[in-house]
Amino acid sequence: MTDNVVEFPNREIDVEVRLDLNEDEIAMITAFLTTQINGLLVTADISMESAVYACLRAAAHSALEDGWSAEDFEAFCKSTEIQEIQVDA
């Protein structure tokens, strides 16, 4: 398994995830999930923190559905590097 890097911005939403997968598919799914989360934030009484935990739970569920072991998913999470990036407005 290779290291994975998730870059979080200092300002508005622009996250780059570098994986050896179909980037268009990942971008499409990310856009859909982000839209759904933003909709919940304005229509339901939820916090962004709850959204983060729900996304982590969904990621774990998706990994297990894809045949990953719990240990593989945990190793994937531990190998993920978080970096803040500056986004030009």
N, C-alpha and C. Protein backbone atom coordinates (compact mmCIF):
# COMPACT_ATOMS: atom_id res chain seq x y z
N MET A 1 0.85 -1.17 0.00
CA MET A 1 0.00 0.00 0.00
C MET A 1 0.90 1.24 0.00
N THR A 2 0.58 2.22 -0.82
CA THR A 2 1.38 3.43 -0.89
C THR A 2 0.82 4.48 0.05
N ASP A 3 1.65 5.49 0.37
CA ASP A 3 1.17 6.60 1.19
C ASP A 3 0.14 7.39 0.41
N ASN A 4 -0.83 7.93 1.10
CA ASN A 4 -1.88 8.74 0.50
C ASN A 4 -1.78 10.13 1.11
N VAL A 5 -2.03 11.15 0.31
CA VAL A 5 -1.94 12.52 0.78
C VAL A 5 -3.27 13.20 0.55
N VAL A 6 -3.83 13.79 1.60
CA VAL A 6 -5.02 14.62 1.49
C VAL A 6 -4.59 16.02 1.88
N GLU A 7 -4.79 16.98 0.98
CA GLU A 7 -4.39 18.35 1.26
C GLU A 7 -5.63 19.17 1.60
N PHE A 8 -5.63 19.80 2.79
CA PHE A 8 -6.73 20.63 3.22
C PHE A 8 -6.35 22.09 3.03
N PRO A 9 -7.25 22.91 2.51
CA PRO A 9 -6.94 24.31 2.25
C PRO A 9 -6.98 25.17 3.50
N ASN A 10 -6.29 26.32 3.44
CA ASN A 10 -6.37 27.30 4.51
C ASN A 10 -7.64 28.13 4.38
N ARG A 11 -8.18 28.21 3.15
CA ARG A 11 -9.39 29.00 2.91
C ARG A 11 -10.43 28.14 2.24
N GLU A 12 -11.27 28.70 1.40
CA GLU A 12 -12.40 28.00 0.82
C GLU A 12 -12.08 26.57 0.40
N ILE A 13 -13.10 25.78 0.21
CA ILE A 13 -12.97 24.35 -0.06
C ILE A 13 -12.26 24.08 -1.38
N ASP A 14 -11.13 23.42 -1.31
CA ASP A 14 -10.41 22.94 -2.48
C ASP A 14 -9.45 21.87 -1.97
N VAL A 15 -9.92 20.65 -1.90
CA VAL A 15 -9.14 19.55 -1.34
C VAL A 15 -8.59 18.71 -2.46
N GLU A 16 -7.32 18.40 -2.39
CA GLU A 16 -6.69 17.55 -3.38
C GLU A 16 -6.34 16.22 -2.73
N VAL A 17 -6.79 15.15 -3.33
CA VAL A 17 -6.48 13.81 -2.85
C VAL A 17 -5.69 13.12 -3.95
N ARG A 18 -4.48 12.69 -3.62
CA ARG A 18 -3.65 12.02 -4.61
C ARG A 18 -3.65 10.52 -4.35
N LEU A 19 -4.37 9.81 -5.19
CA LEU A 19 -4.44 8.35 -5.11
C LEU A 19 -4.25 7.80 -6.51
N ASP A 20 -3.91 6.54 -6.62
CA ASP A 20 -3.76 5.90 -7.92
C ASP A 20 -5.10 5.30 -8.34
N LEU A 21 -6.11 6.15 -8.46
CA LEU A 21 -7.45 5.72 -8.83
C LEU A 21 -8.00 6.65 -9.90
N ASN A 22 -9.22 6.42 -10.30
CA ASN A 22 -9.88 7.24 -11.30
C ASN A 22 -10.21 8.60 -10.69
N GLU A 23 -9.41 9.62 -11.02
CA GLU A 23 -9.58 10.95 -10.43
C GLU A 23 -10.93 11.58 -10.78
N ASP A 24 -11.43 11.35 -12.00
CA ASP A 24 -12.73 11.91 -12.38
C ASP A 24 -13.85 11.31 -11.53
N GLU A 25 -13.77 10.02 -11.30
CA GLU A 25 -14.78 9.34 -10.47
C GLU A 25 -14.72 9.85 -9.04
N ILE A 26 -13.53 10.00 -8.50
CA ILE A 26 -13.37 10.51 -7.14
C ILE A 26 -13.89 11.94 -7.03
N ALA A 27 -13.59 12.78 -8.02
CA ALA A 27 -14.07 14.17 -8.02
C ALA A 27 -15.59 14.22 -8.06
N MET A 28 -16.20 13.36 -8.88
CA MET A 28 -17.66 13.33 -9.00
C MET A 28 -18.29 12.92 -7.66
N ILE A 29 -17.78 11.87 -7.05
CA ILE A 29 -18.32 11.40 -5.78
C ILE A 29 -18.12 12.45 -4.69
N THR A 30 -16.95 13.07 -4.66
CA THR A 30 -16.66 14.11 -3.68
C THR A 30 -17.62 15.29 -3.83
N ALA A 31 -17.85 15.71 -5.07
CA ALA A 31 -18.77 16.83 -5.31
C ALA A 31 -20.17 16.47 -4.83
N PHE A 32 -20.61 15.26 -5.10
CA PHE A 32 -21.94 14.81 -4.67
C PHE A 32 -22.04 14.81 -3.14
N LEU A 33 -21.06 14.20 -2.48
CA LEU A 33 -21.09 14.11 -1.02
C LEU A 33 -21.03 15.50 -0.38
N THR A 34 -20.20 16.37 -0.92
CA THR A 34 -20.07 17.72 -0.39
C THR A 34 -21.38 18.49 -0.53
N THR A 35 -22.03 18.33 -1.68
CA THR A 35 -23.32 18.98 -1.90
C THR A 35 -24.35 18.48 -0.89
N GLN A 36 -24.38 17.18 -0.67
CA GLN A 36 -25.33 16.60 0.28
C GLN A 36 -25.05 17.09 1.70
N ILE A 37 -23.79 17.13 2.08
CA ILE A 37 -23.42 17.60 3.42
C ILE A 37 -23.81 19.06 3.59
N ASN A 38 -23.50 19.90 2.59
CA ASN A 38 -23.87 21.31 2.67
C ASN A 38 -25.38 21.48 2.79
N GLY A 39 -26.14 20.66 2.08
CA GLY A 39 -27.59 20.70 2.19
C GLY A 39 -28.06 20.36 3.59
N LEU A 40 -27.46 19.34 4.19
CA LEU A 40 -27.82 18.97 5.56
C LEU A 40 -27.46 20.07 6.55
N LEU A 41 -26.34 20.73 6.32
CA LEU A 41 -25.92 21.79 7.24
C LEU A 41 -26.91 22.94 7.27
N VAL A 42 -27.54 23.24 6.14
CA VAL A 42 -28.48 24.37 6.11
C VAL A 42 -29.92 23.95 6.40
N THR A 43 -30.24 22.66 6.26
CA THR A 43 -31.64 22.25 6.46
C THR A 43 -31.86 21.45 7.74
N ALA A 44 -30.82 20.93 8.32
CA ALA A 44 -30.95 20.12 9.54
C ALA A 44 -30.04 20.69 10.62
N ASP A 45 -30.33 20.34 11.81
CA ASP A 45 -29.54 20.84 12.94
C ASP A 45 -28.37 19.90 13.20
N ILE A 46 -27.39 19.91 12.29
CA ILE A 46 -26.19 19.08 12.45
C ILE A 46 -24.96 19.96 12.48
N SER A 47 -23.89 19.44 13.02
CA SER A 47 -22.62 20.18 13.06
C SER A 47 -21.68 19.63 11.99
N MET A 48 -20.72 20.43 11.62
CA MET A 48 -19.70 19.97 10.68
C MET A 48 -18.92 18.81 11.29
N GLU A 49 -18.72 18.84 12.61
CA GLU A 49 -18.02 17.74 13.26
C GLU A 49 -18.77 16.42 13.07
N SER A 50 -20.09 16.45 13.20
CA SER A 50 -20.88 15.24 12.96
C SER A 50 -20.74 14.78 11.52
N ALA A 51 -20.67 15.74 10.60
CA ALA A 51 -20.49 15.40 9.18
C ALA A 51 -19.14 14.70 8.97
N VAL A 52 -18.11 15.17 9.64
CA VAL A 52 -16.78 14.54 9.52
C VAL A 52 -16.85 13.10 10.01
N TYR A 53 -17.45 12.88 11.17
CA TYR A 53 -17.54 11.52 11.71
C TYR A 53 -18.39 10.63 10.81
N ALA A 54 -19.46 11.18 10.26
CA ALA A 54 -20.30 10.39 9.36
C ALA A 54 -19.53 10.01 8.10
N CYS A 55 -18.72 10.93 7.58
CA CYS A 55 -17.92 10.61 6.39
C CYS A 55 -16.88 9.54 6.69
N LEU A 56 -16.28 9.59 7.87
CA LEU A 56 -15.32 8.55 8.25
C LEU A 56 -16.02 7.20 8.38
N ARG A 57 -17.20 7.21 8.97
CA ARG A 57 -17.97 5.97 9.09
C ARG A 57 -18.33 5.43 7.71
N ALA A 58 -18.75 6.33 6.81
CA ALA A 58 -19.11 5.91 5.46
C ALA A 58 -17.88 5.38 4.71
N ALA A 59 -16.73 5.99 4.93
CA ALA A 59 -15.51 5.51 4.29
C ALA A 59 -15.16 4.10 4.78
N ALA A 60 -15.28 3.88 6.07
CA ALA A 60 -15.00 2.55 6.62
C ALA A 60 -16.00 1.54 6.07
N HIS A 61 -17.26 1.91 6.02
CA HIS A 61 -18.29 1.02 5.47
C HIS A 61 -17.99 0.69 4.01
N SER A 62 -17.63 1.71 3.22
CA SER A 62 -17.32 1.48 1.81
C SER A 62 -16.11 0.57 1.64
N ALA A 63 -15.10 0.77 2.47
CA ALA A 63 -13.90 -0.07 2.38
C ALA A 63 -14.25 -1.53 2.68
N LEU A 64 -15.03 -1.76 3.72
CA LEU A 64 -15.42 -3.12 4.07
C LEU A 64 -16.28 -3.74 2.98
N GLU A 65 -17.19 -2.95 2.38
CA GLU A 65 -18.01 -3.44 1.27
C GLU A 65 -17.15 -3.80 0.05
N ASP A 66 -16.00 -3.10 -0.09
CA ASP A 66 -15.09 -3.36 -1.20
C ASP A 66 -14.16 -4.54 -0.93
N GLY A 67 -14.28 -5.13 0.26
CA GLY A 67 -13.48 -6.30 0.56
C GLY A 67 -12.23 -6.03 1.38
N TRP A 68 -12.03 -4.78 1.80
CA TRP A 68 -10.88 -4.48 2.64
C TRP A 68 -11.12 -5.09 4.03
N SER A 69 -10.03 -5.47 4.68
CA SER A 69 -10.14 -5.87 6.07
C SER A 69 -10.12 -4.61 6.92
N ALA A 70 -10.57 -4.74 8.15
CA ALA A 70 -10.52 -3.60 9.07
C ALA A 70 -9.08 -3.13 9.24
N GLU A 71 -8.15 -4.08 9.27
CA GLU A 71 -6.73 -3.73 9.43
C GLU A 71 -6.22 -2.95 8.21
N ASP A 72 -6.65 -3.33 7.00
CA ASP A 72 -6.24 -2.61 5.80
C ASP A 72 -6.77 -1.17 5.82
N PHE A 73 -8.03 -1.00 6.24
CA PHE A 73 -8.59 0.34 6.29
C PHE A 73 -7.87 1.19 7.33
N GLU A 74 -7.59 0.61 8.47
CA GLU A 74 -6.87 1.34 9.51
C GLU A 74 -5.47 1.73 9.03
N ALA A 75 -4.79 0.82 8.35
CA ALA A 75 -3.47 1.13 7.80
C ALA A 75 -3.56 2.25 6.76
N PHE A 76 -4.61 2.21 5.92
CA PHE A 76 -4.84 3.26 4.93
C PHE A 76 -4.99 4.61 5.62
N CYS A 77 -5.81 4.65 6.68
CA CYS A 77 -6.03 5.90 7.41
C CYS A 77 -4.73 6.41 8.04
N LYS A 78 -3.97 5.50 8.62
CA LYS A 78 -2.72 5.89 9.27
C LYS A 78 -1.67 6.37 8.27
N SER A 79 -1.76 5.88 7.03
CA SER A 79 -0.77 6.28 6.02
C SER A 79 -1.15 7.57 5.29
N THR A 80 -2.34 8.10 5.60
CA THR A 80 -2.82 9.31 4.94
C THR A 80 -2.17 10.53 5.57
N GLU A 81 -1.54 11.34 4.75
CA GLU A 81 -0.87 12.55 5.21
C GLU A 81 -1.78 13.74 4.92
N ILE A 82 -1.97 14.60 5.92
CA ILE A 82 -2.81 15.78 5.79
C ILE A 82 -1.90 16.99 5.64
N GLN A 83 -2.15 17.79 4.59
CA GLN A 83 -1.38 19.01 4.36
C GLN A 83 -2.34 20.14 4.06
N GLU A 84 -2.08 21.32 4.66
CA GLU A 84 -2.87 22.49 4.33
C GLU A 84 -2.26 23.14 3.10
N ILE A 85 -3.11 23.61 2.20
CA ILE A 85 -2.63 24.30 1.00
C ILE A 85 -3.30 25.66 0.92
N GLN A 86 -2.64 26.61 0.30
CA GLN A 86 -3.19 27.94 0.12
C GLN A 86 -3.99 27.96 -1.18
N VAL A 87 -5.22 28.44 -1.10
CA VAL A 87 -6.08 28.52 -2.27
C VAL A 87 -6.22 29.98 -2.67
N ASP A 88 -5.92 30.28 -3.93
CA ASP A 88 -6.08 31.65 -4.42
C ASP A 88 -7.55 31.95 -4.61
N ALA A 89 -7.99 33.06 -4.04
CA ALA A 89 -9.41 33.44 -4.16
C ALA A 89 -9.65 34.22 -5.44
